[in-house]
C-alpha atoms as a PDB file:
ATOM      1  CA  UNK A   1       0.295  -0.174  -0.081  1.00  0.00           C
ATOM      2  CA  UNK A   2       2.669   2.368   1.051  1.00  0.00           C
ATOM      3  CA  UNK A   3       4.407   2.021  -2.555  1.00  0.00           C
ATOM      4  CA  UNK A   4       1.176   2.051  -4.689  1.00  0.00           C
ATOM      5  CA  UNK A   5       1.074   6.166  -2.808  1.00  0.00           C
ATOM      6  CA  UNK A   6       4.371   6.344  -2.918  1.00  0.00           C
ATOM      7  CA  UNK A   7       3.697   5.738  -7.413  1.00  0.00           C
ATOM      8  CA  UNK A   8       0.521   7.594  -7.337  1.00  0.00           C
ATOM      9  CA  UNK A   9       2.233  10.531  -5.794  1.00  0.00           C
ATOM     10  CA  UNK A  10       5.381  10.362  -8.322  1.00  0.00           C
ATOM     11  CA  UNK A  11       2.957   9.750 -11.672  1.00  0.00           C
ATOM     12  CA  UNK A  12       1.060  12.929 -10.128  1.00  0.00           C
ATOM     13  CA  UNK A  13       3.785  15.666  -9.785  1.00  0.00           C
ATOM     14  CA  UNK A  14       4.529  16.634 -13.022  1.00  0.00           C
ATOM     15  CA  UNK A  15       0.437  16.955 -13.707  1.00  0.00           C
ATOM     16  CA  UNK A  16       0.619  19.189 -10.298  1.00  0.00           C
ATOM     17  CA  UNK A  17       3.697  21.810 -12.435  1.00  0.00           C
ATOM     18  CA  UNK A  18       1.717  21.570 -15.047  1.00  0.00           C
ATOM     19  CA  UNK A  19      -1.364  23.106 -13.368  1.00  0.00           C
ATOM     20  CA  UNK A  20       1.048  25.967 -11.804  1.00  0.00           C
ATOM     21  CA  UNK A  21       2.050  26.897 -15.034  1.00  0.00           C
ATOM     22  CA  UNK A  22      -0.862  27.229 -16.162  1.00  0.00           C
ATOM     23  CA  UNK A  23      -2.272  29.835 -13.098  1.00  0.00           C
ATOM     24  CA  UNK A  24       0.900  31.446 -12.186  1.00  0.00           C
ATOM     25  CA  UNK A  25       0.891  33.485  -9.108  1.00  0.00           C
ATOM     26  CA  UNK A  26      -0.483  37.230  -9.817  1.00  0.00           C
ATOM     27  CA  UNK A  27       1.683  39.791  -9.273  1.00  0.00           C
ATOM     28  CA  UNK A  28       1.072  42.121  -6.620  1.00  0.00           C
ATOM     29  CA  UNK A  29       2.504  45.653  -6.132  1.00  0.00           C
ATOM     30  CA  UNK A  30       2.501  48.600  -3.406  1.00  0.00           C
ATOM     31  CA  UNK A  31       0.731  51.728  -2.704  1.00  0.00           C
ATOM     32  CA  UNK A  32       2.684  53.897  -0.258  1.00  0.00           C
ATOM     33  CA  UNK A  33       1.317  57.035   0.547  1.00  0.00           C
ATOM     34  CA  UNK A  34       3.021  58.683   2.789  1.00  0.00           C
ATOM     35  CA  UNK A  35       3.035  62.561   3.221  1.00  0.00           C
ATOM     36  CA  UNK A  36       5.788  64.629   4.953  1.00  0.00           C
ATOM     37  CA  UNK A  37       4.373  67.680   3.639  1.00  0.00           C
ATOM     38  CA  UNK A  38       0.908  68.355   2.063  1.00  0.00           C
ATOM     39  CA  UNK A  39      -2.174  65.782   2.557  1.00  0.00           C
ATOM     40  CA  UNK A  40      -4.700  64.791  -0.500  1.00  0.00           C
ATOM     41  CA  UNK A  41      -7.941  64.317   0.385  1.00  0.00           C
ATOM     42  CA  UNK A  42      -7.951  61.878  -3.053  1.00  0.00           C
ATOM     43  CA  UNK A  43      -5.874  59.280  -0.687  1.00  0.00           C
ATOM     44  CA  UNK A  44      -8.286  57.340   0.342  1.00  0.00           C
ATOM     45  CA  UNK A  45     -10.307  57.107  -2.449  1.00  0.00           C
ATOM     46  CA  UNK A  46      -7.093  56.532  -4.358  1.00  0.00           C
ATOM     47  CA  UNK A  47      -6.548  53.848  -2.071  1.00  0.00           C
ATOM     48  CA  UNK A  48     -10.423  52.283  -2.683  1.00  0.00           C
ATOM     49  CA  UNK A  49      -9.782  52.627  -6.853  1.00  0.00           C
ATOM     50  CA  UNK A  50      -6.662  50.819  -7.135  1.00  0.00           C
ATOM     51  CA  UNK A  51      -7.705  47.758  -4.902  1.00  0.00           C
ATOM     52  CA  UNK A  52      -9.981  47.609  -7.099  1.00  0.00           C
ATOM     53  CA  UNK A  53      -8.792  48.025 -10.071  1.00  0.00           C
ATOM     54  CA  UNK A  54      -6.777  44.599  -8.881  1.00  0.00           C
ATOM     55  CA  UNK A  55      -9.448  43.329  -8.247  1.00  0.00           C
ATOM     56  CA  UNK A  56     -10.746  43.115 -11.639  1.00  0.00           C
ATOM     57  CA  UNK A  57      -7.656  42.885 -13.547  1.00  0.00           C
ATOM     58  CA  UNK A  58      -5.418  39.813 -11.988  1.00  0.00           C
ATOM     59  CA  UNK A  59      -3.158  41.818  -9.752  1.00  0.00           C
ATOM     60  CA  UNK A  60      -2.868  42.075  -5.989  1.00  0.00           C
ATOM     61  CA  UNK A  61      -2.458  45.648  -3.881  1.00  0.00           C
ATOM     62  CA  UNK A  62      -1.039  46.140  -0.343  1.00  0.00           C
ATOM     63  CA  UNK A  63      -1.320  49.008   0.774  1.00  0.00           C
ATOM     64  CA  UNK A  64       0.338  51.023   3.524  1.00  0.00           C
ATOM     65  CA  UNK A  65       2.224  54.138   4.995  1.00  0.00           C
ATOM     66  CA  UNK A  66       4.785  52.393   6.944  1.00  0.00           C
ATOM     67  CA  UNK A  67       8.130  53.588   5.057  1.00  0.00           C
ATOM     68  CA  UNK A  68      10.282  50.082   7.046  1.00  0.00           C
ATOM     69  CA  UNK A  69       8.187  48.398   3.740  1.00  0.00           C
ATOM     70  CA  UNK A  70      11.211  49.963   1.875  1.00  0.00           C
ATOM     71  CA  UNK A  71      13.749  47.310   2.476  1.00  0.00           C
ATOM     72  CA  UNK A  72      15.276  44.714   0.164  1.00  0.00           C
ATOM     73  CA  UNK A  73      12.818  41.383   1.575  1.00  0.00           C
ATOM     74  CA  UNK A  74       9.886  43.216   1.489  1.00  0.00           C
ATOM     75  CA  UNK A  75      10.433  45.002  -1.982  1.00  0.00           C
ATOM     76  CA  UNK A  76      11.437  41.976  -4.063  1.00  0.00           C
ATOM     77  CA  UNK A  77       7.882  40.460  -3.252  1.00  0.00           C
ATOM     78  CA  UNK A  78       6.096  43.639  -5.556  1.00  0.00           C
ATOM     79  CA  UNK A  79       5.510  43.941  -9.378  1.00  0.00           C
ATOM     80  CA  UNK A  80       6.045  48.198  -8.404  1.00  0.00           C
ATOM     81  CA  UNK A  81       6.025  50.761  -6.116  1.00  0.00           C
ATOM     82  CA  UNK A  82       2.362  52.924  -6.707  1.00  0.00           C
ATOM     83  CA  UNK A  83       3.764  56.870  -4.730  1.00  0.00           C
ATOM     84  CA  UNK A  84       0.140  58.437  -4.702  1.00  0.00           C
ATOM     85  CA  UNK A  85      -0.354  61.582  -3.129  1.00  0.00           C
ATOM     86  CA  UNK A  86       3.439  61.413  -1.358  1.00  0.00           C
ATOM     87  CA  UNK A  87       4.940  64.786  -0.414  1.00  0.00           C
ATOM     88  CA  UNK A  88       8.064  66.022   1.037  1.00  0.00           C
ATOM     89  CA  UNK A  89      10.308  63.201   2.891  1.00  0.00           C
ATOM     90  CA  UNK A  90       8.991  60.255   3.282  1.00  0.00           C
ATOM     91  CA  UNK A  91      12.297  57.377   3.017  1.00  0.00           C
ATOM     92  CA  UNK A  92      15.727  57.496   4.766  1.00  0.00           C
ATOM     93  CA  UNK A  93      19.016  56.779   3.562  1.00  0.00           C
ATOM     94  CA  UNK A  94      19.039  52.785   4.379  1.00  0.00           C
ATOM     95  CA  UNK A  95      15.553  52.783   2.736  1.00  0.00           C
ATOM     96  CA  UNK A  96      16.038  54.943   0.071  1.00  0.00           C
ATOM     97  CA  UNK A  97      19.028  52.212  -1.295  1.00  0.00           C
ATOM     98  CA  UNK A  98      17.128  50.050  -0.998  1.00  0.00           C
ATOM     99  CA  UNK A  99      14.124  51.013  -2.874  1.00  0.00           C
ATOM    100  CA  UNK A 100      16.870  51.932  -5.286  1.00  0.00           C
ATOM    101  CA  UNK A 101      18.225  48.929  -5.878  1.00  0.00           C
ATOM    102  CA  UNK A 102      14.812  47.230  -6.116  1.00  0.00           C
ATOM    103  CA  UNK A 103      14.496  49.343  -9.026  1.00  0.00           C
ATOM    104  CA  UNK A 104      17.784  48.330 -10.121  1.00  0.00           C
ATOM    105  CA  UNK A 105      16.917  44.844 -10.104  1.00  0.00           C
ATOM    106  CA  UNK A 106      13.621  45.349 -12.686  1.00  0.00           C
ATOM    107  CA  UNK A 107      11.123  46.815 -10.419  1.00  0.00           C
ATOM    108  CA  UNK A 108       8.225  49.041 -11.623  1.00  0.00           C
ATOM    109  CA  UNK A 109       7.258  52.821  -9.705  1.00  0.00           C
ATOM    110  CA  UNK A 110       4.472  54.456 -11.124  1.00  0.00           C
ATOM    111  CA  UNK A 111       3.421  58.100  -9.717  1.00  0.00           C
ATOM    112  CA  UNK A 112       0.506  59.874  -9.225  1.00  0.00           C
ATOM    113  CA  UNK A 113       0.246  63.263  -9.069  1.00  0.00           C
ATOM    114  CA  UNK A 114       2.028  64.215  -6.015  1.00  0.00           C
ATOM    115  CA  UNK A 115       4.558  61.777  -6.123  1.00  0.00           C
ATOM    116  CA  UNK A 116       7.245  65.188  -8.133  1.00  0.00           C
ATOM    117  CA  UNK A 117       6.320  66.981  -4.606  1.00  0.00           C
ATOM    118  CA  UNK A 118       8.193  64.614  -2.897  1.00  0.00           C
ATOM    119  CA  UNK A 119      12.201  63.986  -1.987  1.00  0.00           C
ATOM    120  CA  UNK A 120      13.650  66.952  -3.747  1.00  0.00           C
ATOM    121  CA  UNK A 121      17.414  66.388  -1.912  1.00  0.00           C
ATOM    122  CA  UNK A 122      17.063  63.207  -3.753  1.00  0.00           C
ATOM    123  CA  UNK A 123      18.240  63.173  -6.945  1.00  0.00           C
ATOM    124  CA  UNK A 124      17.828  59.375  -7.751  1.00  0.00           C
ATOM    125  CA  UNK A 125      14.022  60.415  -7.259  1.00  0.00           C
ATOM    126  CA  UNK A 126      13.960  63.378  -9.389  1.00  0.00           C
ATOM    127  CA  UNK A 127      15.186  61.570 -12.266  1.00  0.00           C
ATOM    128  CA  UNK A 128      13.018  58.565 -11.933  1.00  0.00           C
ATOM    129  CA  UNK A 129       9.799  60.028 -11.293  1.00  0.00           C
ATOM    130  CA  UNK A 130      10.996  62.736 -14.147  1.00  0.00           C
ATOM    131  CA  UNK A 131      10.855  66.106 -12.722  1.00  0.00           C
ATOM    132  CA  UNK A 132       9.935  68.132  -9.456  1.00  0.00           C
ATOM    133  CA  UNK A 133       6.680  70.362  -8.581  1.00  0.00           C
ATOM    134  CA  UNK A 134       6.637  74.055  -8.811  1.00  0.00           C
ATOM    135  CA  UNK A 135       3.591  75.303  -8.277  1.00  0.00           C
ATOM    136  CA  UNK A 136      -0.183  75.447  -9.508  1.00  0.00           C
ATOM    137  CA  UNK A 137      -2.922  77.881 -10.143  1.00  0.00           C
ATOM    138  CA  UNK A 138      -5.879  77.284  -8.748  1.00  0.00           C
ATOM    139  CA  UNK A 139      -7.859  74.106 -10.330  1.00  0.00           C
ATOM    140  CA  UNK A 140     -10.100  74.461 -13.258  1.00  0.00           C
ATOM    141  CA  UNK A 141     -11.001  73.255 -16.927  1.00  0.00           C
ATOM    142  CA  UNK A 142      -8.096  72.446 -19.431  1.00  0.00           C
ATOM    143  CA  UNK A 143      -7.695  70.591 -22.709  1.00  0.00           C
ATOM    144  CA  UNK A 144      -4.769  68.050 -22.637  1.00  0.00           C
ATOM    145  CA  UNK A 145      -3.348  67.103 -25.621  1.00  0.00           C
ATOM    146  CA  UNK A 146      -2.965  63.131 -26.175  1.00  0.00           C
ATOM    147  CA  UNK A 147       0.354  63.282 -27.956  1.00  0.00           C
ATOM    148  CA  UNK A 148       0.845  59.388 -27.978  1.00  0.00           C
ATOM    149  CA  UNK A 149      -2.404  56.877 -28.410  1.00  0.00           C
ATOM    150  CA  UNK A 150       0.168  53.581 -28.644  1.00  0.00           C
ATOM    151  CA  UNK A 151       0.335  53.474 -25.158  1.00  0.00           C
ATOM    152  CA  UNK A 152      -1.081  51.892 -22.934  1.00  0.00           C
ATOM    153  CA  UNK A 153      -1.965  53.873 -20.648  1.00  0.00           C
ATOM    154  CA  UNK A 154      -3.494  56.386 -23.404  1.00  0.00           C
ATOM    155  CA  UNK A 155      -4.987  53.848 -26.031  1.00  0.00           C
ATOM    156  CA  UNK A 156      -7.955  54.871 -24.457  1.00  0.00           C
ATOM    157  CA  UNK A 157      -7.858  58.221 -24.837  1.00  0.00           C
ATOM    158  CA  UNK A 158      -9.663  60.973 -27.247  1.00  0.00           C
ATOM    159  CA  UNK A 159      -6.908  63.643 -29.029  1.00  0.00           C
ATOM    160  CA  UNK A 160      -7.494  66.206 -27.270  1.00  0.00           C
ATOM    161  CA  UNK A 161      -8.890  65.570 -23.297  1.00  0.00           C
ATOM    162  CA  UNK A 162     -10.803  68.188 -21.548  1.00  0.00           C
ATOM    163  CA  UNK A 163     -11.112  67.789 -17.713  1.00  0.00           C
ATOM    164  CA  UNK A 164     -11.011  69.714 -14.401  1.00  0.00           C
ATOM    165  CA  UNK A 165      -7.813  69.291 -12.252  1.00  0.00           C
ATOM    166  CA  UNK A 166      -5.062  70.917 -10.166  1.00  0.00           C
ATOM    167  CA  UNK A 167      -2.315  71.284 -12.577  1.00  0.00           C
ATOM    168  CA  UNK A 168       1.098  71.205 -11.943  1.00  0.00           C
ATOM    169  CA  UNK A 169       3.650  73.753 -12.797  1.00  0.00           C
ATOM    170  CA  UNK A 170       6.982  71.135 -12.852  1.00  0.00           C
ATOM    171  CA  UNK A 171      11.642  72.591 -13.261  1.00  0.00           C
ATOM    172  CA  UNK A 172      14.325  69.699 -13.944  1.00  0.00           C
ATOM    173  CA  UNK A 173      12.463  67.720 -16.809  1.00  0.00           C
ATOM    174  CA  UNK A 174      14.178  64.882 -16.700  1.00  0.00           C
ATOM    175  CA  UNK A 175      14.843  65.151 -20.967  1.00  0.00           C
ATOM    176  CA  UNK A 176      14.590  60.952 -21.495  1.00  0.00           C
ATOM    177  CA  UNK A 177      11.239  61.264 -20.818  1.00  0.00           C
ATOM    178  CA  UNK A 178       8.898  59.753 -23.091  1.00  0.00           C
ATOM    179  CA  UNK A 179       5.559  61.999 -23.354  1.00  0.00           C
ATOM    180  CA  UNK A 180       1.690  60.786 -22.915  1.00  0.00           C
ATOM    181  CA  UNK A 181       0.172  63.387 -22.824  1.00  0.00           C
ATOM    182  CA  UNK A 182       0.720  67.828 -22.670  1.00  0.00           C
ATOM    183  CA  UNK A 183      -1.738  70.830 -21.564  1.00  0.00           C
ATOM    184  CA  UNK A 184      -2.040  73.552 -23.583  1.00  0.00           C
ATOM    185  CA  UNK A 185      -1.479  77.007 -21.216  1.00  0.00           C
ATOM    186  CA  UNK A 186      -3.350  78.509 -23.866  1.00  0.00           C
ATOM    187  CA  UNK A 187      -6.853  76.886 -22.213  1.00  0.00           C
ATOM    188  CA  UNK A 188      -6.407  77.810 -18.514  1.00  0.00           C
ATOM    189  CA  UNK A 189      -4.772  80.268 -17.251  1.00  0.00           C
ATOM    190  CA  UNK A 190      -1.445  79.839 -14.612  1.00  0.00           C
ATOM    191  CA  UNK A 191       0.301  77.770 -16.481  1.00  0.00           C
ATOM    192  CA  UNK A 192       4.665  79.341 -16.489  1.00  0.00           C
ATOM    193  CA  UNK A 193       6.461  75.342 -18.579  1.00  0.00           C
ATOM    194  CA  UNK A 194       4.958  77.430 -22.163  1.00  0.00           C
ATOM    195  CA  UNK A 195       4.384  75.901 -25.221  1.00  0.00           C
ATOM    196  CA  UNK A 196       5.719  72.388 -23.664  1.00  0.00           C
ATOM    197  CA  UNK A 197       4.383  71.399 -21.126  1.00  0.00           C
ATOM    198  CA  UNK A 198       4.038  67.290 -20.320  1.00  0.00           C
ATOM    199  CA  UNK A 199       1.004  66.241 -17.974  1.00  0.00           C
ATOM    200  CA  UNK A 200       2.162  62.265 -18.167  1.00  0.00           C
ATOM    201  CA  UNK A 201       4.968  60.410 -18.977  1.00  0.00           C
ATOM    202  CA  UNK A 202       7.208  56.736 -18.184  1.00  0.00           C
ATOM    203  CA  UNK A 203      10.632  56.055 -19.080  1.00  0.00           C
ATOM    204  CA  UNK A 204      12.582  53.247 -18.593  1.00  0.00           C
ATOM    205  CA  UNK A 205      15.544  54.334 -15.366  1.00  0.00           C
ATOM    206  CA  UNK A 206      18.127  52.464 -14.177  1.00  0.00           C
ATOM    207  CA  UNK A 207      17.490  49.071 -14.734  1.00  0.00           C
ATOM    208  CA  UNK A 208      13.372  49.929 -14.685  1.00  0.00           C
ATOM    209  CA  UNK A 209      10.547  50.764 -15.243  1.00  0.00           C
ATOM    210  CA  UNK A 210       8.641  54.320 -14.656  1.00  0.00           C
ATOM    211  CA  UNK A 211       5.457  55.708 -15.497  1.00  0.00           C
ATOM    212  CA  UNK A 212       3.936  59.129 -14.060  1.00  0.00           C
ATOM    213  CA  UNK A 213       0.797  61.030 -14.295  1.00  0.00           C
ATOM    214  CA  UNK A 214       0.071  64.699 -12.966  1.00  0.00           C
ATOM    215  CA  UNK A 215      -3.567  64.024 -12.869  1.00  0.00           C
ATOM    216  CA  UNK A 216      -5.642  62.462  -9.045  1.00  0.00           C
ATOM    217  CA  UNK A 217      -6.017  65.415  -7.252  1.00  0.00           C
ATOM    218  CA  UNK A 218      -9.340  65.470  -7.232  1.00  0.00           C
ATOM    219  CA  UNK A 219     -11.674  62.704  -5.750  1.00  0.00           C
ATOM    220  CA  UNK A 220     -14.216  62.762  -8.404  1.00  0.00           C
ATOM    221  CA  UNK A 221     -11.048  61.772 -10.614  1.00  0.00           C
ATOM    222  CA  UNK A 222     -11.087  58.231  -8.692  1.00  0.00           C
ATOM    223  CA  UNK A 223     -14.255  57.516 -10.609  1.00  0.00           C
ATOM    224  CA  UNK A 224     -13.643  59.027 -13.816  1.00  0.00           C
ATOM    225  CA  UNK A 225     -14.290  56.646 -16.408  1.00  0.00           C
ATOM    226  CA  UNK A 226     -11.193  57.452 -18.596  1.00  0.00           C
ATOM    227  CA  UNK A 227      -8.836  58.655 -15.949  1.00  0.00           C
ATOM    228  CA  UNK A 228      -8.614  54.389 -13.652  1.00  0.00           C
ATOM    229  CA  UNK A 229      -7.760  53.273 -17.506  1.00  0.00           C
ATOM    230  CA  UNK A 230      -5.259  55.824 -18.050  1.00  0.00           C
ATOM    231  CA  UNK A 231      -4.030  54.754 -13.962  1.00  0.00           C
ATOM    232  CA  UNK A 232      -4.704  51.211 -14.611  1.00  0.00           C
ATOM    233  CA  UNK A 233      -2.443  51.593 -17.687  1.00  0.00           C
ATOM    234  CA  UNK A 234       0.318  52.262 -15.828  1.00  0.00           C
ATOM    235  CA  UNK A 235      -0.088  50.382 -13.615  1.00  0.00           C
ATOM    236  CA  UNK A 236       0.537  47.804 -15.974  1.00  0.00           C
ATOM    237  CA  UNK A 237       2.384  49.487 -17.476  1.00  0.00           C
ATOM    238  CA  UNK A 238       5.329  49.321 -14.204  1.00  0.00           C
ATOM    239  CA  UNK A 239       4.115  45.858 -14.067  1.00  0.00           C
ATOM    240  CA  UNK A 240       5.845  44.950 -16.684  1.00  0.00           C
ATOM    241  CA  UNK A 241       2.010  43.887 -18.908  1.00  0.00           C
END
């Protein structure tokens, strides 16, 4: 009897392995929303929206404001890390080093809105996220030009997208970013970047993938279908899908 059980186990192993190969583990992302400065009221609805996107699109989502997650053992569990409305200084030196190693090992990064208002004294991060925030006017409707409609995060969008949000002005734009969306400064008041004013972009950086959208200040953004598809596309790009 014992030999029969061993024999059955032996012959069932290939089928178990095949089943596991047919159903690989879902990718997992970390949504990080620690703030060291201004705190956006849209953080809570943003987290809930990303969790829902994950449940509908076959990826798992962990959320935290605990910077202790930024160690190599923890980060290696994640296909991508989302900085959701982070502001100010949020990581210590060891945590920064771990995050750099994570990206260098092929990790993905997503920055949402205030991710550019974060870690101004960390040049590596500034190049990763792609720019730093300078200022913004009051929330208002503006015209966005979707200049790349082939990327997974923009292919669903119209060529001209009119919407209300809070529009950042930027400094230290990384020359290597691949721009997805620009804003028409003639369509609203308060823009200072001129004719070339990027609002969303992506690039390969230091071994990993980075995607950023300026959009998403308002709570209403996280119930807007076009915006949610835009954000989902950025997450899937960062995951590597």
